[in-house]
Amino acid sequence: MRHHSTRAIIPAAVLAIALTACGGPSATPLFNGQSLDGWEHVGKGEFVIEDGALKTVGGMGLLWHTVEKFGDTSIRIVYRGERPNSNAGVFIRIPEEPKDPWFPVHFGYEVQIQDESDKFHRTGSLYSLSTAETFPPSPDGWNTMEITLAGQTTTVSVNGAQVNVFKGSQSVPPRVKWFEPRRGPRPDVGYIGLQNHDKESTVWFKEVSVLRQP
């Protein structure tokens, strides 16, 4: 059963007023810090709420936002990994409601979270498709990722630095491993989700927001 949250309305409105007054976009929280209202999990493992943050447990699974699809917007994620190689991901452009955690791998894009890895698999890359040229760490371990969708262009920034720009029409490396995503186009608009990868990887998400222009 799906549960759609109303608890996020007040903080979203307060933040929207503050940011719009400064001429910036308003932030709409998709996770209210208290419940999984508006989210649904498929696959192994789970997400639990710990100190106001989503925590990955086991895997491989997917927690996806059921309320709406997103396109031509920016998504802000604030996360922290237990270790530099803790593995997770943010899925975008998922065309349909996912029935299992592998559907978004092959029909959406995974913006990788793994702070210590090669450039095709480190935080900010589109997993095995497009590189993140660097990983600029944060001083306190909480990292801010912004994913901007503009038509077929996906731009990823980490801790204020742009690390990846991917256009859906650009060439990509051939698929060489069974678990790598199938190559091909993705939609302009789609669902988003968070990955819980495996029992050895723990990642906390304390913010999942959409930035909307006033």
N, C-alpha and C. Protein backbone atom coordinates (compact mmCIF):
# COMPACT_ATOMS: atom_id res chain seq x y z
N MET A 1 0.84 -1.20 0.00
CA MET A 1 0.00 0.00 0.00
C MET A 1 0.87 1.24 0.00
N ARG A 2 0.48 2.23 -0.76
CA ARG A 2 1.22 3.48 -0.81
C ARG A 2 0.64 4.46 0.19
N HIS A 3 1.54 5.27 0.75
CA HIS A 3 1.11 6.30 1.68
C HIS A 3 1.68 7.62 1.20
N HIS A 4 0.84 8.57 0.93
CA HIS A 4 1.30 9.87 0.46
C HIS A 4 1.34 10.83 1.64
N SER A 5 2.47 11.50 1.80
CA SER A 5 2.69 12.32 2.97
C SER A 5 2.09 13.71 2.81
N THR A 6 1.57 14.24 3.94
CA THR A 6 1.20 15.65 4.01
C THR A 6 2.08 16.39 5.00
N ARG A 7 2.94 15.67 5.73
CA ARG A 7 3.76 16.30 6.76
C ARG A 7 4.80 17.24 6.20
N ALA A 8 5.20 17.03 4.94
CA ALA A 8 6.26 17.86 4.36
C ALA A 8 5.77 19.22 3.88
N ILE A 9 4.45 19.47 3.93
CA ILE A 9 3.91 20.70 3.36
C ILE A 9 4.41 21.93 4.10
N ILE A 10 4.40 21.91 5.43
CA ILE A 10 4.80 23.09 6.19
C ILE A 10 6.26 23.45 5.97
N PRO A 11 7.23 22.51 6.18
CA PRO A 11 8.61 22.90 5.94
C PRO A 11 8.88 23.30 4.51
N ALA A 12 8.23 22.66 3.56
CA ALA A 12 8.43 23.02 2.16
C ALA A 12 7.95 24.44 1.90
N ALA A 13 6.81 24.81 2.47
CA ALA A 13 6.28 26.15 2.27
C ALA A 13 7.19 27.20 2.89
N VAL A 14 7.67 26.93 4.10
CA VAL A 14 8.57 27.88 4.76
C VAL A 14 9.82 28.09 3.95
N LEU A 15 10.42 26.99 3.47
CA LEU A 15 11.64 27.08 2.68
C LEU A 15 11.38 27.77 1.35
N ALA A 16 10.25 27.48 0.76
CA ALA A 16 9.92 28.11 -0.53
C ALA A 16 9.82 29.62 -0.39
N ILE A 17 9.17 30.10 0.69
CA ILE A 17 9.04 31.54 0.89
C ILE A 17 10.42 32.18 1.05
N ALA A 18 11.27 31.54 1.84
CA ALA A 18 12.60 32.10 2.11
C ALA A 18 13.44 32.17 0.85
N LEU A 19 13.44 31.11 0.06
CA LEU A 19 14.28 31.08 -1.12
C LEU A 19 13.72 31.95 -2.24
N THR A 20 12.39 31.96 -2.39
CA THR A 20 11.79 32.77 -3.44
C THR A 20 12.03 34.25 -3.18
N ALA A 21 12.04 34.64 -1.88
CA ALA A 21 12.31 36.02 -1.53
C ALA A 21 13.70 36.45 -1.96
N CYS A 22 14.61 35.49 -2.02
CA CYS A 22 15.98 35.76 -2.46
C CYS A 22 16.14 35.57 -3.96
N GLY A 23 15.06 35.25 -4.65
CA GLY A 23 15.11 35.08 -6.09
C GLY A 23 15.55 33.71 -6.53
N GLY A 24 15.68 32.76 -5.60
CA GLY A 24 16.14 31.42 -5.94
C GLY A 24 15.00 30.44 -6.03
N PRO A 25 15.30 29.20 -6.39
CA PRO A 25 14.26 28.18 -6.48
C PRO A 25 13.77 27.76 -5.11
N SER A 26 12.55 27.24 -5.05
CA SER A 26 12.02 26.71 -3.80
C SER A 26 12.33 25.23 -3.72
N ALA A 27 12.60 24.75 -2.51
CA ALA A 27 12.93 23.35 -2.28
C ALA A 27 11.72 22.63 -1.72
N THR A 28 11.30 21.57 -2.38
CA THR A 28 10.19 20.75 -1.91
C THR A 28 10.74 19.42 -1.40
N PRO A 29 10.72 19.19 -0.09
CA PRO A 29 11.23 17.92 0.43
C PRO A 29 10.36 16.75 -0.03
N LEU A 30 11.00 15.68 -0.48
CA LEU A 30 10.28 14.45 -0.83
C LEU A 30 10.34 13.44 0.30
N PHE A 31 11.26 13.64 1.24
CA PHE A 31 11.37 12.81 2.45
C PHE A 31 11.18 13.74 3.64
N ASN A 32 10.24 13.39 4.51
CA ASN A 32 9.87 14.30 5.61
C ASN A 32 10.65 14.06 6.89
N GLY A 33 11.59 13.12 6.90
CA GLY A 33 12.41 12.87 8.07
C GLY A 33 11.75 12.02 9.14
N GLN A 34 10.50 11.62 8.91
CA GLN A 34 9.76 10.90 9.93
C GLN A 34 9.14 9.59 9.45
N SER A 35 8.83 9.50 8.18
CA SER A 35 8.13 8.33 7.68
C SER A 35 8.49 8.10 6.22
N LEU A 36 8.03 6.97 5.68
CA LEU A 36 8.24 6.64 4.28
C LEU A 36 7.00 6.96 3.45
N ASP A 37 6.18 7.90 3.93
CA ASP A 37 5.02 8.33 3.16
C ASP A 37 5.47 8.84 1.79
N GLY A 38 4.81 8.36 0.74
CA GLY A 38 5.15 8.78 -0.61
C GLY A 38 6.24 7.95 -1.24
N TRP A 39 6.70 6.93 -0.54
CA TRP A 39 7.77 6.07 -1.05
C TRP A 39 7.35 4.61 -0.99
N GLU A 40 7.93 3.80 -1.87
CA GLU A 40 7.65 2.37 -1.90
C GLU A 40 8.94 1.62 -2.19
N HIS A 41 9.13 0.49 -1.52
CA HIS A 41 10.37 -0.28 -1.68
C HIS A 41 10.11 -1.57 -2.46
N VAL A 42 11.05 -1.90 -3.37
CA VAL A 42 11.02 -3.18 -4.07
C VAL A 42 12.40 -3.81 -3.94
N GLY A 43 12.44 -5.14 -3.95
CA GLY A 43 13.71 -5.84 -3.89
C GLY A 43 14.11 -6.21 -2.48
N LYS A 44 15.37 -6.59 -2.33
CA LYS A 44 15.89 -7.07 -1.05
C LYS A 44 16.25 -5.91 -0.14
N GLY A 45 16.43 -6.24 1.15
CA GLY A 45 16.82 -5.22 2.11
C GLY A 45 15.70 -4.23 2.36
N GLU A 46 16.07 -3.07 2.90
CA GLU A 46 15.07 -2.06 3.23
C GLU A 46 15.76 -0.74 3.53
N PHE A 47 14.96 0.29 3.67
CA PHE A 47 15.39 1.57 4.22
C PHE A 47 14.71 1.74 5.57
N VAL A 48 15.47 2.17 6.57
CA VAL A 48 14.90 2.50 7.87
C VAL A 48 15.22 3.96 8.16
N ILE A 49 14.48 4.55 9.09
CA ILE A 49 14.70 5.94 9.47
C ILE A 49 15.48 5.97 10.77
N GLU A 50 16.60 6.65 10.75
CA GLU A 50 17.49 6.71 11.91
C GLU A 50 17.92 8.17 12.10
N ASP A 51 17.54 8.76 13.22
CA ASP A 51 17.89 10.15 13.52
C ASP A 51 17.49 11.10 12.40
N GLY A 52 16.30 10.88 11.84
CA GLY A 52 15.77 11.76 10.82
C GLY A 52 16.33 11.54 9.43
N ALA A 53 17.10 10.48 9.23
CA ALA A 53 17.69 10.19 7.93
C ALA A 53 17.29 8.79 7.47
N LEU A 54 17.23 8.60 6.16
CA LEU A 54 17.01 7.27 5.60
C LEU A 54 18.32 6.50 5.65
N LYS A 55 18.28 5.28 6.14
CA LYS A 55 19.47 4.44 6.24
C LYS A 55 19.27 3.17 5.41
N THR A 56 20.26 2.85 4.56
CA THR A 56 20.17 1.62 3.76
C THR A 56 20.49 0.42 4.63
N VAL A 57 19.73 -0.65 4.41
CA VAL A 57 19.96 -1.91 5.12
C VAL A 57 19.89 -3.04 4.10
N GLY A 58 21.00 -3.75 3.91
CA GLY A 58 20.99 -4.87 2.98
C GLY A 58 20.76 -4.42 1.54
N GLY A 59 20.37 -5.36 0.72
CA GLY A 59 20.10 -5.04 -0.69
C GLY A 59 20.34 -6.28 -1.54
N MET A 60 20.06 -6.23 -2.87
CA MET A 60 19.88 -5.00 -3.62
C MET A 60 18.39 -4.64 -3.72
N GLY A 61 18.09 -3.38 -3.38
CA GLY A 61 16.73 -2.94 -3.42
C GLY A 61 16.62 -1.51 -3.90
N LEU A 62 15.39 -1.05 -4.02
CA LEU A 62 15.11 0.30 -4.53
C LEU A 62 13.96 0.90 -3.75
N LEU A 63 14.17 2.11 -3.24
CA LEU A 63 13.11 2.90 -2.64
C LEU A 63 12.77 4.00 -3.63
N TRP A 64 11.55 3.97 -4.17
CA TRP A 64 11.22 4.94 -5.22
C TRP A 64 10.07 5.84 -4.78
N HIS A 65 10.11 7.07 -5.31
CA HIS A 65 9.11 8.08 -4.96
C HIS A 65 7.90 7.90 -5.87
N THR A 66 6.75 7.60 -5.25
CA THR A 66 5.58 7.18 -6.01
C THR A 66 4.68 8.33 -6.46
N VAL A 67 4.88 9.53 -5.92
CA VAL A 67 3.88 10.59 -6.06
C VAL A 67 3.86 11.20 -7.46
N GLU A 68 5.04 11.40 -8.06
CA GLU A 68 5.08 12.06 -9.36
C GLU A 68 6.37 11.74 -10.10
N LYS A 69 6.35 12.00 -11.41
CA LYS A 69 7.54 11.92 -12.23
C LYS A 69 8.18 13.31 -12.30
N PHE A 70 9.49 13.32 -12.62
CA PHE A 70 10.21 14.58 -12.66
C PHE A 70 10.96 14.75 -13.98
N GLY A 71 10.95 15.98 -14.47
CA GLY A 71 11.73 16.36 -15.64
C GLY A 71 11.94 17.86 -15.62
N ASP A 72 13.02 18.31 -16.24
CA ASP A 72 13.37 19.74 -16.26
C ASP A 72 13.31 20.34 -14.87
N THR A 73 14.09 19.77 -13.98
CA THR A 73 14.15 20.23 -12.60
C THR A 73 15.48 19.81 -12.01
N SER A 74 15.73 20.20 -10.77
CA SER A 74 16.93 19.76 -10.06
C SER A 74 16.54 18.99 -8.81
N ILE A 75 17.27 17.94 -8.54
CA ILE A 75 17.04 17.10 -7.37
C ILE A 75 18.25 17.24 -6.46
N ARG A 76 18.01 17.55 -5.19
CA ARG A 76 19.10 17.71 -4.23
C ARG A 76 19.09 16.55 -3.24
N ILE A 77 20.24 15.90 -3.10
CA ILE A 77 20.42 14.77 -2.22
C ILE A 77 21.55 15.11 -1.24
N VAL A 78 21.30 14.93 0.05
CA VAL A 78 22.36 15.08 1.05
C VAL A 78 22.55 13.72 1.70
N TYR A 79 23.75 13.16 1.58
CA TYR A 79 24.00 11.79 2.01
C TYR A 79 25.35 11.67 2.71
N ARG A 80 25.52 10.56 3.41
CA ARG A 80 26.81 10.23 4.03
C ARG A 80 27.00 8.72 3.98
N GLY A 81 28.15 8.27 3.52
CA GLY A 81 28.47 6.85 3.51
C GLY A 81 29.23 6.46 4.78
N GLU A 82 29.01 5.23 5.21
CA GLU A 82 29.74 4.73 6.38
C GLU A 82 31.23 4.68 6.11
N ARG A 83 31.59 4.31 4.87
CA ARG A 83 32.99 4.25 4.44
C ARG A 83 33.09 4.89 3.05
N PRO A 84 34.29 5.27 2.62
CA PRO A 84 34.43 5.88 1.29
C PRO A 84 33.93 4.99 0.15
N ASN A 85 33.97 3.66 0.34
CA ASN A 85 33.51 2.77 -0.74
C ASN A 85 32.09 2.24 -0.51
N SER A 86 31.36 2.83 0.45
CA SER A 86 29.96 2.44 0.63
C SER A 86 29.19 2.74 -0.65
N ASN A 87 28.38 1.80 -1.07
CA ASN A 87 27.76 1.82 -2.40
C ASN A 87 26.26 2.09 -2.30
N ALA A 88 25.79 3.04 -3.11
CA ALA A 88 24.36 3.31 -3.24
C ALA A 88 24.18 4.04 -4.56
N GLY A 89 23.01 4.60 -4.78
CA GLY A 89 22.78 5.33 -6.03
C GLY A 89 21.49 6.10 -5.98
N VAL A 90 21.39 7.07 -6.88
CA VAL A 90 20.15 7.83 -7.08
C VAL A 90 19.69 7.55 -8.51
N PHE A 91 18.50 6.99 -8.64
CA PHE A 91 17.98 6.67 -9.97
C PHE A 91 17.09 7.80 -10.47
N ILE A 92 17.23 8.10 -11.75
CA ILE A 92 16.44 9.14 -12.41
C ILE A 92 15.88 8.58 -13.72
N ARG A 93 14.91 9.29 -14.26
CA ARG A 93 14.35 8.97 -15.58
C ARG A 93 13.79 7.54 -15.67
N ILE A 94 13.22 7.05 -14.57
CA ILE A 94 12.60 5.72 -14.58
C ILE A 94 11.25 5.85 -15.29
N PRO A 95 11.04 5.17 -16.42
CA PRO A 95 9.86 5.46 -17.25
C PRO A 95 8.55 4.97 -16.68
N GLU A 96 8.57 3.88 -15.90
CA GLU A 96 7.34 3.28 -15.39
C GLU A 96 7.54 2.90 -13.93
N GLU A 97 6.44 2.55 -13.27
CA GLU A 97 6.53 2.09 -11.89
C GLU A 97 7.38 0.82 -11.86
N PRO A 98 8.49 0.83 -11.11
CA PRO A 98 9.38 -0.33 -11.10
C PRO A 98 8.82 -1.47 -10.27
N LYS A 99 8.81 -2.67 -10.85
CA LYS A 99 8.33 -3.85 -10.13
C LYS A 99 9.47 -4.59 -9.44
N ASP A 100 10.71 -4.28 -9.81
CA ASP A 100 11.88 -4.90 -9.20
C ASP A 100 13.04 -3.91 -9.29
N PRO A 101 14.13 -4.12 -8.54
CA PRO A 101 15.22 -3.13 -8.51
C PRO A 101 16.07 -3.09 -9.76
N TRP A 102 15.93 -4.07 -10.65
CA TRP A 102 16.74 -4.07 -11.87
C TRP A 102 16.10 -3.28 -13.00
N PHE A 103 14.79 -3.02 -12.92
CA PHE A 103 14.13 -2.25 -13.98
C PHE A 103 14.76 -0.87 -14.15
N PRO A 104 14.97 -0.10 -13.07
CA PRO A 104 15.59 1.22 -13.27
C PRO A 104 17.05 1.16 -13.70
N VAL A 105 17.74 0.07 -13.40
CA VAL A 105 19.12 -0.09 -13.87
C VAL A 105 19.15 -0.06 -15.39
N HIS A 106 18.21 -0.76 -16.01
CA HIS A 106 18.25 -0.94 -17.46
C HIS A 106 17.41 0.07 -18.24
N PHE A 107 16.48 0.74 -17.57
CA PHE A 107 15.59 1.65 -18.30
C PHE A 107 15.62 3.08 -17.76
N GLY A 108 16.33 3.31 -16.66
CA GLY A 108 16.61 4.65 -16.16
C GLY A 108 18.11 4.86 -16.13
N TYR A 109 18.56 5.87 -15.38
CA TYR A 109 19.98 6.10 -15.16
C TYR A 109 20.26 6.04 -13.66
N GLU A 110 21.39 5.47 -13.31
CA GLU A 110 21.84 5.51 -11.92
C GLU A 110 22.96 6.54 -11.78
N VAL A 111 22.71 7.56 -10.96
CA VAL A 111 23.77 8.47 -10.57
C VAL A 111 24.44 7.84 -9.36
N GLN A 112 25.66 7.40 -9.54
CA GLN A 112 26.34 6.56 -8.57
C GLN A 112 26.70 7.31 -7.30
N ILE A 113 26.64 6.59 -6.18
CA ILE A 113 27.22 7.03 -4.92
C ILE A 113 28.23 5.97 -4.49
N GLN A 114 29.49 6.31 -4.57
CA GLN A 114 30.60 5.51 -4.06
C GLN A 114 31.82 6.43 -4.12
N ASP A 115 32.11 7.08 -3.02
CA ASP A 115 33.03 8.21 -3.04
C ASP A 115 34.44 7.82 -3.46
N GLU A 116 34.80 6.58 -3.25
CA GLU A 116 36.16 6.13 -3.58
C GLU A 116 36.07 5.03 -4.63
N SER A 117 36.22 5.41 -5.91
CA SER A 117 36.15 4.44 -7.01
C SER A 117 36.73 5.11 -8.24
N ASP A 118 36.75 4.36 -9.38
CA ASP A 118 37.23 4.96 -10.62
C ASP A 118 36.18 5.91 -11.19
N LYS A 119 36.56 6.68 -12.21
CA LYS A 119 35.72 7.78 -12.66
C LYS A 119 34.41 7.34 -13.32
N PHE A 120 34.31 6.08 -13.78
CA PHE A 120 33.06 5.59 -14.32
C PHE A 120 32.12 5.06 -13.23
N HIS A 121 32.64 4.95 -12.00
CA HIS A 121 31.85 4.34 -10.94
C HIS A 121 31.90 5.12 -9.63
N ARG A 122 32.51 6.31 -9.65
CA ARG A 122 32.53 7.10 -8.42
C ARG A 122 31.29 7.99 -8.34
N THR A 123 31.11 8.57 -7.17
CA THR A 123 29.99 9.46 -6.93
C THR A 123 29.89 10.53 -8.02
N GLY A 124 28.69 10.65 -8.58
CA GLY A 124 28.43 11.64 -9.62
C GLY A 124 28.46 11.10 -11.03
N SER A 125 29.02 9.91 -11.22
CA SER A 125 29.00 9.30 -12.55
C SER A 125 27.61 8.75 -12.85
N LEU A 126 27.27 8.63 -14.13
CA LEU A 126 26.14 7.80 -14.52
C LEU A 126 26.72 6.41 -14.73
N TYR A 127 26.34 5.50 -13.88
CA TYR A 127 27.03 4.24 -13.69
C TYR A 127 27.40 3.56 -15.02
N SER A 128 28.70 3.46 -15.26
CA SER A 128 29.33 2.80 -16.41
C SER A 128 29.06 3.50 -17.74
N LEU A 129 28.39 4.66 -17.72
CA LEU A 129 28.04 5.36 -18.95
C LEU A 129 28.81 6.66 -19.12
N SER A 130 28.92 7.43 -18.04
CA SER A 130 29.49 8.77 -18.13
C SER A 130 30.28 9.05 -16.86
N THR A 131 31.44 9.66 -17.00
CA THR A 131 32.38 9.78 -15.89
C THR A 131 32.11 10.98 -14.99
N ALA A 132 32.48 10.81 -13.73
CA ALA A 132 32.62 11.93 -12.79
C ALA A 132 34.11 12.21 -12.69
N GLU A 133 34.51 13.39 -13.08
CA GLU A 133 35.94 13.67 -13.23
C GLU A 133 36.66 13.84 -11.90
N THR A 134 35.91 14.11 -10.83
CA THR A 134 36.54 14.28 -9.52
C THR A 134 35.51 14.03 -8.45
N PHE A 135 35.97 13.86 -7.21
CA PHE A 135 35.07 13.83 -6.06
C PHE A 135 35.58 14.85 -5.04
N PRO A 136 34.91 15.99 -4.94
CA PRO A 136 35.30 17.00 -3.97
C PRO A 136 34.68 16.70 -2.61
N PRO A 137 35.45 16.27 -1.61
CA PRO A 137 34.86 15.86 -0.34
C PRO A 137 34.34 17.04 0.47
N SER A 138 33.46 16.75 1.42
CA SER A 138 32.95 17.76 2.33
C SER A 138 33.73 17.68 3.64
N PRO A 139 33.74 18.75 4.44
CA PRO A 139 34.50 18.71 5.68
C PRO A 139 33.89 17.85 6.77
N ASP A 140 32.58 17.62 6.72
CA ASP A 140 31.92 16.89 7.82
C ASP A 140 31.41 15.51 7.41
N GLY A 141 31.66 15.07 6.17
CA GLY A 141 31.22 13.76 5.73
C GLY A 141 29.86 13.74 5.08
N TRP A 142 29.05 14.78 5.28
CA TRP A 142 27.76 14.89 4.60
C TRP A 142 27.97 15.56 3.25
N ASN A 143 27.61 14.88 2.21
CA ASN A 143 27.83 15.36 0.84
C ASN A 143 26.52 15.80 0.20
N THR A 144 26.59 16.88 -0.56
CA THR A 144 25.41 17.39 -1.26
C THR A 144 25.57 17.16 -2.76
N MET A 145 24.64 16.41 -3.31
CA MET A 145 24.61 16.15 -4.74
C MET A 145 23.39 16.83 -5.34
N GLU A 146 23.60 17.54 -6.44
CA GLU A 146 22.48 18.12 -7.19
C GLU A 146 22.49 17.54 -8.60
N ILE A 147 21.34 17.03 -9.00
CA ILE A 147 21.16 16.42 -10.31
C ILE A 147 20.15 17.27 -11.07
N THR A 148 20.58 17.86 -12.16
CA THR A 148 19.71 18.74 -12.94
C THR A 148 19.32 18.06 -14.23
N LEU A 149 18.02 17.97 -14.46
CA LEU A 149 17.46 17.37 -15.67
C LEU A 149 16.97 18.50 -16.57
N ALA A 150 17.48 18.54 -17.79
CA ALA A 150 17.05 19.54 -18.78
C ALA A 150 16.93 18.83 -20.11
N GLY A 151 15.72 18.40 -20.45
CA GLY A 151 15.56 17.57 -21.64
C GLY A 151 16.37 16.31 -21.50
N GLN A 152 17.22 16.03 -22.48
CA GLN A 152 18.06 14.84 -22.46
C GLN A 152 19.43 15.08 -21.80
N THR A 153 19.64 16.26 -21.24
CA THR A 153 20.90 16.56 -20.57
C THR A 153 20.78 16.38 -19.07
N THR A 154 21.73 15.65 -18.49
CA THR A 154 21.80 15.44 -17.05
C THR A 154 23.11 16.04 -16.56
N THR A 155 23.03 16.97 -15.61
CA THR A 155 24.20 17.61 -15.04
C THR A 155 24.27 17.28 -13.56
N VAL A 156 25.43 16.85 -13.09
CA VAL A 156 25.60 16.44 -11.70
C VAL A 156 26.66 17.31 -11.05
N SER A 157 26.31 17.86 -9.89
CA SER A 157 27.27 18.60 -9.07
C SER A 157 27.39 17.91 -7.72
N VAL A 158 28.59 17.90 -7.16
CA VAL A 158 28.85 17.32 -5.85
C VAL A 158 29.57 18.36 -5.01
N ASN A 159 28.97 18.67 -3.86
CA ASN A 159 29.55 19.65 -2.94
C ASN A 159 29.91 20.96 -3.64
N GLY A 160 29.01 21.40 -4.51
CA GLY A 160 29.15 22.68 -5.17
C GLY A 160 29.98 22.70 -6.43
N ALA A 161 30.58 21.57 -6.81
CA ALA A 161 31.41 21.50 -8.02
C ALA A 161 30.74 20.63 -9.07
N GLN A 162 30.66 21.11 -10.30
CA GLN A 162 30.11 20.31 -11.39
C GLN A 162 31.09 19.21 -11.74
N VAL A 163 30.61 17.95 -11.74
CA VAL A 163 31.50 16.82 -11.98
C VAL A 163 31.14 16.02 -13.22
N ASN A 164 29.93 16.23 -13.77
CA ASN A 164 29.49 15.37 -14.88
C ASN A 164 28.38 16.06 -15.66
N VAL A 165 28.51 16.07 -16.97
CA VAL A 165 27.42 16.50 -17.85
C VAL A 165 27.24 15.40 -18.89
N PHE A 166 26.03 14.88 -18.98
CA PHE A 166 25.75 13.77 -19.90
C PHE A 166 24.58 14.13 -20.78
N LYS A 167 24.76 13.95 -22.09
CA LYS A 167 23.68 14.14 -23.04
C LYS A 167 23.25 12.78 -23.58
N GLY A 168 21.95 12.56 -23.60
CA GLY A 168 21.45 11.24 -23.94
C GLY A 168 21.87 10.73 -25.29
N SER A 169 22.27 11.62 -26.18
CA SER A 169 22.66 11.21 -27.53
C SER A 169 24.15 10.92 -27.66
N GLN A 170 24.93 11.17 -26.61
CA GLN A 170 26.38 11.00 -26.75
C GLN A 170 26.78 9.54 -26.73
N SER A 171 27.96 9.25 -27.25
CA SER A 171 28.45 7.87 -27.28
C SER A 171 28.85 7.44 -25.88
N VAL A 172 28.69 6.15 -25.61
CA VAL A 172 29.02 5.58 -24.31
C VAL A 172 29.85 4.32 -24.52
N PRO A 173 30.58 3.87 -23.50
CA PRO A 173 31.36 2.63 -23.64
C PRO A 173 30.45 1.43 -23.86
N PRO A 174 30.93 0.40 -24.52
CA PRO A 174 30.11 -0.80 -24.70
C PRO A 174 29.81 -1.48 -23.37
N ARG A 175 28.69 -2.17 -23.33
CA ARG A 175 28.31 -2.93 -22.13
C ARG A 175 29.12 -4.22 -22.10
N VAL A 176 29.85 -4.44 -21.00
CA VAL A 176 30.73 -5.61 -20.95
C VAL A 176 30.41 -6.56 -19.80
N LYS A 177 29.61 -6.12 -18.81
CA LYS A 177 29.27 -6.97 -17.68
C LYS A 177 27.76 -7.09 -17.57
N TRP A 178 27.30 -8.24 -17.07
CA TRP A 178 25.86 -8.52 -17.06
C TRP A 178 25.08 -7.52 -16.21
N PHE A 179 25.71 -6.99 -15.16
CA PHE A 179 25.00 -6.09 -14.26
C PHE A 179 25.06 -4.63 -14.70
N GLU A 180 25.75 -4.34 -15.76
CA GLU A 180 25.78 -2.97 -16.27
C GLU A 180 24.48 -2.65 -17.00
N PRO A 181 24.08 -1.39 -17.00
CA PRO A 181 22.81 -1.03 -17.64
C PRO A 181 22.82 -1.26 -19.14
N ARG A 182 21.69 -1.68 -19.67
CA ARG A 182 21.53 -1.75 -21.11
C ARG A 182 21.66 -0.35 -21.69
N ARG A 183 22.30 -0.26 -22.81
CA ARG A 183 22.45 1.03 -23.47
C ARG A 183 21.17 1.39 -24.22
N GLY A 184 20.97 2.69 -24.40
CA GLY A 184 19.78 3.14 -25.11
C GLY A 184 19.19 4.39 -24.50
N PRO A 185 18.21 4.98 -25.16
CA PRO A 185 17.64 6.25 -24.70
C PRO A 185 16.79 6.07 -23.44
N ARG A 186 16.70 7.15 -22.68
CA ARG A 186 15.83 7.25 -21.51
C ARG A 186 14.89 8.43 -21.71
N PRO A 187 13.76 8.43 -20.99
CA PRO A 187 12.79 9.51 -21.20
C PRO A 187 13.24 10.83 -20.57
N ASP A 188 12.63 11.92 -21.03
CA ASP A 188 12.88 13.23 -20.42
C ASP A 188 12.32 13.30 -19.00
N VAL A 189 11.25 12.57 -18.76
CA VAL A 189 10.53 12.64 -17.49
C VAL A 189 10.41 11.23 -16.92
N GLY A 190 10.62 11.09 -15.60
CA GLY A 190 10.51 9.77 -15.00
C GLY A 190 10.50 9.83 -13.49
N TYR A 191 10.28 8.67 -12.89
CA TYR A 191 10.34 8.54 -11.44
C TYR A 191 11.79 8.59 -10.98
N ILE A 192 11.97 8.86 -9.68
CA ILE A 192 13.30 8.80 -9.08
C ILE A 192 13.29 7.78 -7.95
N GLY A 193 14.48 7.31 -7.57
CA GLY A 193 14.58 6.34 -6.50
C GLY A 193 15.97 6.32 -5.89
N LEU A 194 16.07 5.67 -4.73
CA LEU A 194 17.33 5.51 -4.02
C LEU A 194 17.64 4.02 -3.93
N GLN A 195 18.90 3.67 -4.10
CA GLN A 195 19.32 2.28 -4.07
C GLN A 195 19.93 1.90 -2.73
N ASN A 196 19.50 0.77 -2.19
CA ASN A 196 20.25 0.11 -1.11
C ASN A 196 20.96 -1.08 -1.75
N HIS A 197 22.29 -1.04 -1.77
CA HIS A 197 23.06 -1.90 -2.67
C HIS A 197 23.36 -3.28 -2.11
N ASP A 198 23.88 -3.36 -0.89
CA ASP A 198 24.29 -4.65 -0.34
C ASP A 198 24.47 -4.52 1.17
N LYS A 199 24.61 -5.66 1.84
CA LYS A 199 24.69 -5.66 3.31
C LYS A 199 25.98 -5.09 3.85
N GLU A 200 27.00 -4.97 3.00
CA GLU A 200 28.27 -4.39 3.44
C GLU A 200 28.30 -2.87 3.28
N SER A 201 27.30 -2.29 2.63
CA SER A 201 27.28 -0.85 2.36
C SER A 201 26.16 -0.18 3.14
N THR A 202 26.52 0.83 3.92
CA THR A 202 25.54 1.61 4.66
C THR A 202 25.67 3.07 4.25
N VAL A 203 24.56 3.65 3.82
CA VAL A 203 24.53 5.05 3.41
C VAL A 203 23.30 5.69 4.04
N TRP A 204 23.47 6.91 4.57
CA TRP A 204 22.36 7.67 5.13
C TRP A 204 22.00 8.82 4.18
N PHE A 205 20.70 9.07 4.02
CA PHE A 205 20.20 10.19 3.24
C PHE A 205 19.38 11.07 4.17
N LYS A 206 19.84 12.29 4.43
CA LYS A 206 19.07 13.16 5.32
C LYS A 206 18.23 14.18 4.57
N GLU A 207 18.47 14.33 3.27
CA GLU A 207 17.62 15.21 2.47
C GLU A 207 17.44 14.64 1.07
N VAL A 208 16.20 14.64 0.61
CA VAL A 208 15.86 14.37 -0.78
C VAL A 208 14.84 15.43 -1.15
N SER A 209 15.25 16.38 -1.97
CA SER A 209 14.38 17.52 -2.30
C SER A 209 14.39 17.78 -3.80
N VAL A 210 13.33 18.42 -4.26
CA VAL A 210 13.27 18.90 -5.64
C VAL A 210 13.29 20.42 -5.60
N LEU A 211 14.14 21.02 -6.42
CA LEU A 211 14.27 22.47 -6.50
C LEU A 211 13.41 22.97 -7.66
N ARG A 212 12.45 23.78 -7.35
CA ARG A 212 11.50 24.27 -8.36
C ARG A 212 11.68 25.77 -8.53
N GLN A 213 11.68 26.21 -9.77
CA GLN A 213 11.78 27.64 -10.04
C GLN A 213 10.48 28.35 -9.65
N PRO A 214 10.60 29.56 -9.09
CA PRO A 214 9.38 30.30 -8.70
C PRO A 214 8.58 30.74 -9.92
